Amino acid sequence: MSTWLYYGSSPDGSKFDIEGLNVWAHEWPCERDSKRALGRDPLYDQEFSFQIWSVDDGKKKVRFAADEF
């Protein structure tokens, strides 16, 4: 089982770095064959299921789970 860390939330288009990559500066290919990530809303403790995405700048690839609220 994978462990997912909560990095935070961000409005669309605002700079948001994960491991040094601004996710809004790259295309987000959806990892359609992967399972969804489970997480909890840090304010209301409600469980959510998130799609898994990735960004790649040619040097580093970062996988992350995200959805729109």
PDB file of N, CA and C in Angstrom:
ATOM      1  N   MET A   1       0.838  -1.177   0.000  1.00  0.00           N
ATOM      2  CA  MET A   1       0.000   0.000   0.000  1.00  0.00           C
ATOM      3  C   MET A   1       0.883   1.241   0.000  1.00  0.00           C
ATOM      4  N   SER A   2       0.548   2.214  -0.822  1.00  0.00           N
ATOM      5  CA  SER A   2       1.297   3.464  -0.892  1.00  0.00           C
ATOM      6  C   SER A   2       0.876   4.396   0.233  1.00  0.00           C
ATOM      7  N   THR A   3       1.817   5.197   0.677  1.00  0.00           N
ATOM      8  CA  THR A   3       1.532   6.229   1.659  1.00  0.00           C
ATOM      9  C   THR A   3       1.587   7.572   0.955  1.00  0.00           C
ATOM     10  N   TRP A   4       0.555   8.359   1.104  1.00  0.00           N
ATOM     11  CA  TRP A   4       0.472   9.663   0.470  1.00  0.00           C
ATOM     12  C   TRP A   4       0.591  10.740   1.535  1.00  0.00           C
ATOM     13  N   LEU A   5       1.359  11.782   1.250  1.00  0.00           N
ATOM     14  CA  LEU A   5       1.531  12.907   2.157  1.00  0.00           C
ATOM     15  C   LEU A   5       0.697  14.081   1.674  1.00  0.00           C
ATOM     16  N   TYR A   6       0.081  14.781   2.581  1.00  0.00           N
ATOM     17  CA  TYR A   6      -0.688  15.971   2.239  1.00  0.00           C
ATOM     18  C   TYR A   6       0.272  17.148   2.071  1.00  0.00           C
ATOM     19  N   TYR A   7       0.307  17.741   0.878  1.00  0.00           N
ATOM     20  CA  TYR A   7       1.165  18.890   0.615  1.00  0.00           C
ATOM     21  C   TYR A   7       0.407  20.198   0.769  1.00  0.00           C
ATOM     22  N   GLY A   8      -0.872  20.204   0.496  1.00  0.00           N
ATOM     23  CA  GLY A   8      -1.653  21.420   0.614  1.00  0.00           C
ATOM     24  C   GLY A   8      -2.643  21.560  -0.516  1.00  0.00           C
ATOM     25  N   SER A   9      -3.240  22.732  -0.573  1.00  0.00           N
ATOM     26  CA  SER A   9      -4.203  23.017  -1.631  1.00  0.00           C
ATOM     27  C   SER A   9      -3.748  24.279  -2.364  1.00  0.00           C
ATOM     28  N   SER A  10      -4.262  24.433  -3.579  1.00  0.00           N
ATOM     29  CA  SER A  10      -3.815  25.550  -4.404  1.00  0.00           C
ATOM     30  C   SER A  10      -4.905  25.916  -5.394  1.00  0.00           C
ATOM     31  N   PRO A  11      -5.162  27.211  -5.568  1.00  0.00           N
ATOM     32  CA  PRO A  11      -6.065  27.619  -6.644  1.00  0.00           C
ATOM     33  C   PRO A  11      -5.419  27.313  -8.000  1.00  0.00           C
ATOM     34  N   ASP A  12      -6.233  27.054  -8.981  1.00  0.00           N
ATOM     35  CA  ASP A  12      -5.751  26.775 -10.336  1.00  0.00           C
ATOM     36  C   ASP A  12      -4.836  27.900 -10.811  1.00  0.00           C
ATOM     37  N   GLY A  13      -3.652  27.538 -11.264  1.00  0.00           N
ATOM     38  CA  GLY A  13      -2.715  28.492 -11.826  1.00  0.00           C
ATOM     39  C   GLY A  13      -1.733  29.107 -10.855  1.00  0.00           C
ATOM     40  N   SER A  14      -1.969  28.988  -9.546  1.00  0.00           N
ATOM     41  CA  SER A  14      -1.023  29.507  -8.558  1.00  0.00           C
ATOM     42  C   SER A  14       0.171  28.575  -8.464  1.00  0.00           C
ATOM     43  N   LYS A  15       1.346  29.124  -8.242  1.00  0.00           N
ATOM     44  CA  LYS A  15       2.530  28.281  -8.128  1.00  0.00           C
ATOM     45  C   LYS A  15       2.350  27.297  -6.982  1.00  0.00           C
ATOM     46  N   PHE A  16       2.623  26.025  -7.267  1.00  0.00           N
ATOM     47  CA  PHE A  16       2.508  24.979  -6.255  1.00  0.00           C
ATOM     48  C   PHE A  16       3.587  23.937  -6.530  1.00  0.00           C
ATOM     49  N   ASP A  17       4.625  23.944  -5.718  1.00  0.00           N
ATOM     50  CA  ASP A  17       5.756  23.028  -5.906  1.00  0.00           C
ATOM     51  C   ASP A  17       5.570  21.733  -5.144  1.00  0.00           C
ATOM     52  N   ILE A  18       5.879  20.641  -5.814  1.00  0.00           N
ATOM     53  CA  ILE A  18       5.996  19.328  -5.183  1.00  0.00           C
ATOM     54  C   ILE A  18       7.376  18.816  -5.565  1.00  0.00           C
ATOM     55  N   GLU A  19       8.201  18.593  -4.577  1.00  0.00           N
ATOM     56  CA  GLU A  19       9.583  18.132  -4.784  1.00  0.00           C
ATOM     57  C   GLU A  19      10.324  19.012  -5.794  1.00  0.00           C
ATOM     58  N   GLY A  20      10.092  20.316  -5.728  1.00  0.00           N
ATOM     59  CA  GLY A  20      10.814  21.259  -6.578  1.00  0.00           C
ATOM     60  C   GLY A  20      10.205  21.513  -7.945  1.00  0.00           C
ATOM     61  N   LEU A  21       9.116  20.850  -8.275  1.00  0.00           N
ATOM     62  CA  LEU A  21       8.457  21.079  -9.569  1.00  0.00           C
ATOM     63  C   LEU A  21       7.135  21.806  -9.358  1.00  0.00           C
ATOM     64  N   ASN A  22       6.950  22.912 -10.072  1.00  0.00           N
ATOM     65  CA  ASN A  22       5.675  23.616 -10.026  1.00  0.00           C
ATOM     66  C   ASN A  22       4.689  22.823 -10.881  1.00  0.00           C
ATOM     67  N   VAL A  23       3.725  22.171 -10.258  1.00  0.00           N
ATOM     68  CA  VAL A  23       2.812  21.298 -11.006  1.00  0.00           C
ATOM     69  C   VAL A  23       1.973  22.056 -12.027  1.00  0.00           C
ATOM     70  N   TRP A  24       1.695  23.347 -11.775  1.00  0.00           N
ATOM     71  CA  TRP A  24       0.887  24.120 -12.719  1.00  0.00           C
ATOM     72  C   TRP A  24       1.675  24.508 -13.970  1.00  0.00           C
ATOM     73  N   ALA A  25       2.979  24.320 -13.990  1.00  0.00           N
ATOM     74  CA  ALA A  25       3.800  24.682 -15.150  1.00  0.00           C
ATOM     75  C   ALA A  25       3.960  23.520 -16.129  1.00  0.00           C
ATOM     76  N   HIS A  26       3.295  22.395 -15.877  1.00  0.00           N
ATOM     77  CA  HIS A  26       3.457  21.193 -16.701  1.00  0.00           C
ATOM     78  C   HIS A  26       2.100  20.572 -17.015  1.00  0.00           C
ATOM     79  N   GLU A  27       2.074  19.793 -18.075  1.00  0.00           N
ATOM     80  CA  GLU A  27       0.896  18.982 -18.378  1.00  0.00           C
ATOM     81  C   GLU A  27       0.756  17.903 -17.311  1.00  0.00           C
ATOM     82  N   TRP A  28      -0.459  17.482 -17.045  1.00  0.00           N
ATOM     83  CA  TRP A  28      -0.720  16.447 -16.046  1.00  0.00           C
ATOM     84  C   TRP A  28      -1.249  15.180 -16.714  1.00  0.00           C
ATOM     85  N   PRO A  29      -0.384  14.304 -17.186  1.00  0.00           N
ATOM     86  CA  PRO A  29      -0.908  13.039 -17.694  1.00  0.00           C
ATOM     87  C   PRO A  29      -1.543  12.236 -16.553  1.00  0.00           C
ATOM     88  N   CYS A  30      -2.720  11.744 -16.806  1.00  0.00           N
ATOM     89  CA  CYS A  30      -3.430  10.929 -15.824  1.00  0.00           C
ATOM     90  C   CYS A  30      -2.885   9.506 -15.877  1.00  0.00           C
ATOM     91  N   GLU A  31      -2.598   8.938 -14.732  1.00  0.00           N
ATOM     92  CA  GLU A  31      -2.134   7.553 -14.668  1.00  0.00           C
ATOM     93  C   GLU A  31      -3.363   6.652 -14.580  1.00  0.00           C
ATOM     94  N   ARG A  32      -3.967   6.423 -15.714  1.00  0.00           N
ATOM     95  CA  ARG A  32      -5.253   5.721 -15.781  1.00  0.00           C
ATOM     96  C   ARG A  32      -5.198   4.276 -15.298  1.00  0.00           C
ATOM     97  N   ASP A  33      -4.054   3.621 -15.397  1.00  0.00           N
ATOM     98  CA  ASP A  33      -3.960   2.222 -14.987  1.00  0.00           C
ATOM     99  C   ASP A  33      -3.686   2.066 -13.501  1.00  0.00           C
ATOM    100  N   SER A  34      -3.439   3.172 -12.816  1.00  0.00           N
ATOM    101  CA  SER A  34      -3.118   3.067 -11.394  1.00  0.00           C
ATOM    102  C   SER A  34      -4.384   3.141 -10.548  1.00  0.00           C
ATOM    103  N   LYS A  35      -4.283   2.641  -9.349  1.00  0.00           N
ATOM    104  CA  LYS A  35      -5.382   2.747  -8.408  1.00  0.00           C
ATOM    105  C   LYS A  35      -5.502   4.194  -7.960  1.00  0.00           C
ATOM    106  N   ARG A  36      -6.611   4.528  -7.370  1.00  0.00           N
ATOM    107  CA  ARG A  36      -6.818   5.878  -6.843  1.00  0.00           C
ATOM    108  C   ARG A  36      -6.209   5.973  -5.451  1.00  0.00           C
ATOM    109  N   ALA A  37      -5.840   7.171  -5.072  1.00  0.00           N
ATOM    110  CA  ALA A  37      -5.260   7.406  -3.747  1.00  0.00           C
ATOM    111  C   ALA A  37      -6.368   7.823  -2.790  1.00  0.00           C
ATOM    112  N   LEU A  38      -6.332   7.277  -1.605  1.00  0.00           N
ATOM    113  CA  LEU A  38      -7.290   7.659  -0.578  1.00  0.00           C
ATOM    114  C   LEU A  38      -6.651   8.682   0.341  1.00  0.00           C
ATOM    115  N   GLY A  39      -7.420   9.688   0.721  1.00  0.00           N
ATOM    116  CA  GLY A  39      -6.922  10.702   1.631  1.00  0.00           C
ATOM    117  C   GLY A  39      -8.063  11.318   2.409  1.00  0.00           C
ATOM    118  N   ARG A  40      -7.705  12.084   3.424  1.00  0.00           N
ATOM    119  CA  ARG A  40      -8.705  12.730   4.265  1.00  0.00           C
ATOM    120  C   ARG A  40      -8.571  14.243   4.176  1.00  0.00           C
ATOM    121  N   ASP A  41      -9.704  14.899   4.134  1.00  0.00           N
ATOM    122  CA  ASP A  41      -9.734  16.352   4.177  1.00  0.00           C
ATOM    123  C   ASP A  41      -9.168  16.790   5.524  1.00  0.00           C
ATOM    124  N   PRO A  42      -8.122  17.634   5.523  1.00  0.00           N
ATOM    125  CA  PRO A  42      -7.485  18.009   6.791  1.00  0.00           C
ATOM    126  C   PRO A  42      -8.363  18.888   7.678  1.00  0.00           C
ATOM    127  N   LEU A  43      -9.383  19.521   7.119  1.00  0.00           N
ATOM    128  CA  LEU A  43     -10.261  20.366   7.928  1.00  0.00           C
ATOM    129  C   LEU A  43     -11.473  19.621   8.474  1.00  0.00           C
ATOM    130  N   TYR A  44     -12.069  18.770   7.647  1.00  0.00           N
ATOM    131  CA  TYR A  44     -13.325  18.128   8.016  1.00  0.00           C
ATOM    132  C   TYR A  44     -13.215  16.621   8.230  1.00  0.00           C
ATOM    133  N   ASP A  45     -12.038  16.070   8.030  1.00  0.00           N
ATOM    134  CA  ASP A  45     -11.763  14.645   8.235  1.00  0.00           C
ATOM    135  C   ASP A  45     -12.639  13.722   7.385  1.00  0.00           C
ATOM    136  N   GLN A  46     -13.128  14.226   6.263  1.00  0.00           N
ATOM    137  CA  GLN A  46     -13.911  13.411   5.342  1.00  0.00           C
ATOM    138  C   GLN A  46     -12.967  12.684   4.399  1.00  0.00           C
ATOM    139  N   GLU A  47     -13.230  11.405   4.120  1.00  0.00           N
ATOM    140  CA  GLU A  47     -12.366  10.633   3.231  1.00  0.00           C
ATOM    141  C   GLU A  47     -12.726  10.904   1.769  1.00  0.00           C
ATOM    142  N   PHE A  48     -11.697  11.021   0.939  1.00  0.00           N
ATOM    143  CA  PHE A  48     -11.864  11.233  -0.494  1.00  0.00           C
ATOM    144  C   PHE A  48     -10.983  10.260  -1.269  1.00  0.00           C
ATOM    145  N   SER A  49     -11.360  10.011  -2.515  1.00  0.00           N
ATOM    146  CA  SER A  49     -10.585   9.198  -3.435  1.00  0.00           C
ATOM    147  C   SER A  49     -10.067  10.134  -4.528  1.00  0.00           C
ATOM    148  N   PHE A  50      -8.750  10.121  -4.752  1.00  0.00           N
ATOM    149  CA  PHE A  50      -8.121  11.050  -5.671  1.00  0.00           C
ATOM    150  C   PHE A  50      -7.515  10.328  -6.871  1.00  0.00           C
ATOM    151  N   GLN A  51      -7.625  10.961  -8.039  1.00  0.00           N
ATOM    152  CA  GLN A  51      -6.941  10.482  -9.237  1.00  0.00           C
ATOM    153  C   GLN A  51      -5.443  10.711  -9.070  1.00  0.00           C
ATOM    154  N   ILE A  52      -4.629   9.841  -9.639  1.00  0.00           N
ATOM    155  CA  ILE A  52      -3.175   9.976  -9.577  1.00  0.00           C
ATOM    156  C   ILE A  52      -2.683  10.568 -10.898  1.00  0.00           C
ATOM    157  N   TRP A  53      -1.824  11.585 -10.782  1.00  0.00           N
ATOM    158  CA  TRP A  53      -1.283  12.325 -11.914  1.00  0.00           C
ATOM    159  C   TRP A  53       0.237  12.301 -11.839  1.00  0.00           C
ATOM    160  N   SER A  54       0.891  12.830 -12.856  1.00  0.00           N
ATOM    161  CA  SER A  54       2.345  12.978 -12.809  1.00  0.00           C
ATOM    162  C   SER A  54       2.741  14.207 -13.622  1.00  0.00           C
ATOM    163  N   VAL A  55       3.876  14.782 -13.264  1.00  0.00           N
ATOM    164  CA  VAL A  55       4.487  15.841 -14.064  1.00  0.00           C
ATOM    165  C   VAL A  55       5.940  15.446 -14.281  1.00  0.00           C
ATOM    166  N   ASP A  56       6.481  15.848 -15.419  1.00  0.00           N
ATOM    167  CA  ASP A  56       7.841  15.473 -15.789  1.00  0.00           C
ATOM    168  C   ASP A  56       8.491  16.666 -16.479  1.00  0.00           C
ATOM    169  N   ASP A  57       9.618  17.138 -15.933  1.00  0.00           N
ATOM    170  CA  ASP A  57      10.317  18.271 -16.554  1.00  0.00           C
ATOM    171  C   ASP A  57      11.509  17.818 -17.388  1.00  0.00           C
ATOM    172  N   GLY A  58      11.615  16.525 -17.649  1.00  0.00           N
ATOM    173  CA  GLY A  58      12.734  15.977 -18.411  1.00  0.00           C
ATOM    174  C   GLY A  58      13.884  15.532 -17.534  1.00  0.00           C
ATOM    175  N   LYS A  59      13.922  15.991 -16.305  1.00  0.00           N
ATOM    176  CA  LYS A  59      14.960  15.598 -15.349  1.00  0.00           C
ATOM    177  C   LYS A  59      14.371  14.816 -14.184  1.00  0.00           C
ATOM    178  N   LYS A  60      13.151  15.154 -13.833  1.00  0.00           N
ATOM    179  CA  LYS A  60      12.502  14.551 -12.677  1.00  0.00           C
ATOM    180  C   LYS A  60      11.031  14.313 -12.991  1.00  0.00           C
ATOM    181  N   LYS A  61      10.508  13.198 -12.501  1.00  0.00           N
ATOM    182  CA  LYS A  61       9.086  12.897 -12.629  1.00  0.00           C
ATOM    183  C   LYS A  61       8.514  12.812 -11.220  1.00  0.00           C
ATOM    184  N   VAL A  62       7.405  13.499 -11.004  1.00  0.00           N
ATOM    185  CA  VAL A  62       6.748  13.512  -9.701  1.00  0.00           C
ATOM    186  C   VAL A  62       5.324  12.995  -9.869  1.00  0.00           C
ATOM    187  N   ARG A  63       4.954  12.026  -9.050  1.00  0.00           N
ATOM    188  CA  ARG A  63       3.585  11.511  -9.029  1.00  0.00           C
ATOM    189  C   ARG A  63       2.862  12.166  -7.856  1.00  0.00           C
ATOM    190  N   PHE A  64       1.591  12.504  -8.083  1.00  0.00           N
ATOM    191  CA  PHE A  64       0.819  13.099  -7.004  1.00  0.00           C
ATOM    192  C   PHE A  64      -0.659  12.788  -7.215  1.00  0.00           C
ATOM    193  N   ALA A  65      -1.411  12.914  -6.153  1.00  0.00           N
ATOM    194  CA  ALA A  65      -2.852  12.700  -6.212  1.00  0.00           C
ATOM    195  C   ALA A  65      -3.521  14.061  -6.041  1.00  0.00           C
ATOM    196  N   ALA A  66      -4.517  14.332  -6.875  1.00  0.00           N
ATOM    197  CA  ALA A  66      -5.200  15.622  -6.799  1.00  0.00           C
ATOM    198  C   ALA A  66      -6.609  15.508  -7.338  1.00  0.00           C
ATOM    199  N   ASP A  67      -7.442  16.422  -6.888  1.00  0.00           N
ATOM    200  CA  ASP A  67      -8.804  16.522  -7.399  1.00  0.00           C
ATOM    201  C   ASP A  67      -9.300  17.926  -7.114  1.00  0.00           C
ATOM    202  N   GLU A  68     -10.397  18.268  -7.711  1.00  0.00           N
ATOM    203  CA  GLU A  68     -10.959  19.595  -7.538  1.00  0.00           C
ATOM    204  C   GLU A  68     -12.070  19.555  -6.503  1.00  0.00           C
ATOM    205  N   PHE A  69     -12.061  20.515  -5.603  1.00  0.00           N
ATOM    206  CA  PHE A  69     -13.117  20.619  -4.593  1.00  0.00           C
ATOM    207  C   PHE A  69     -13.969  21.824  -4.907  1.00  0.00           C
TER     208      PHE A  69
END
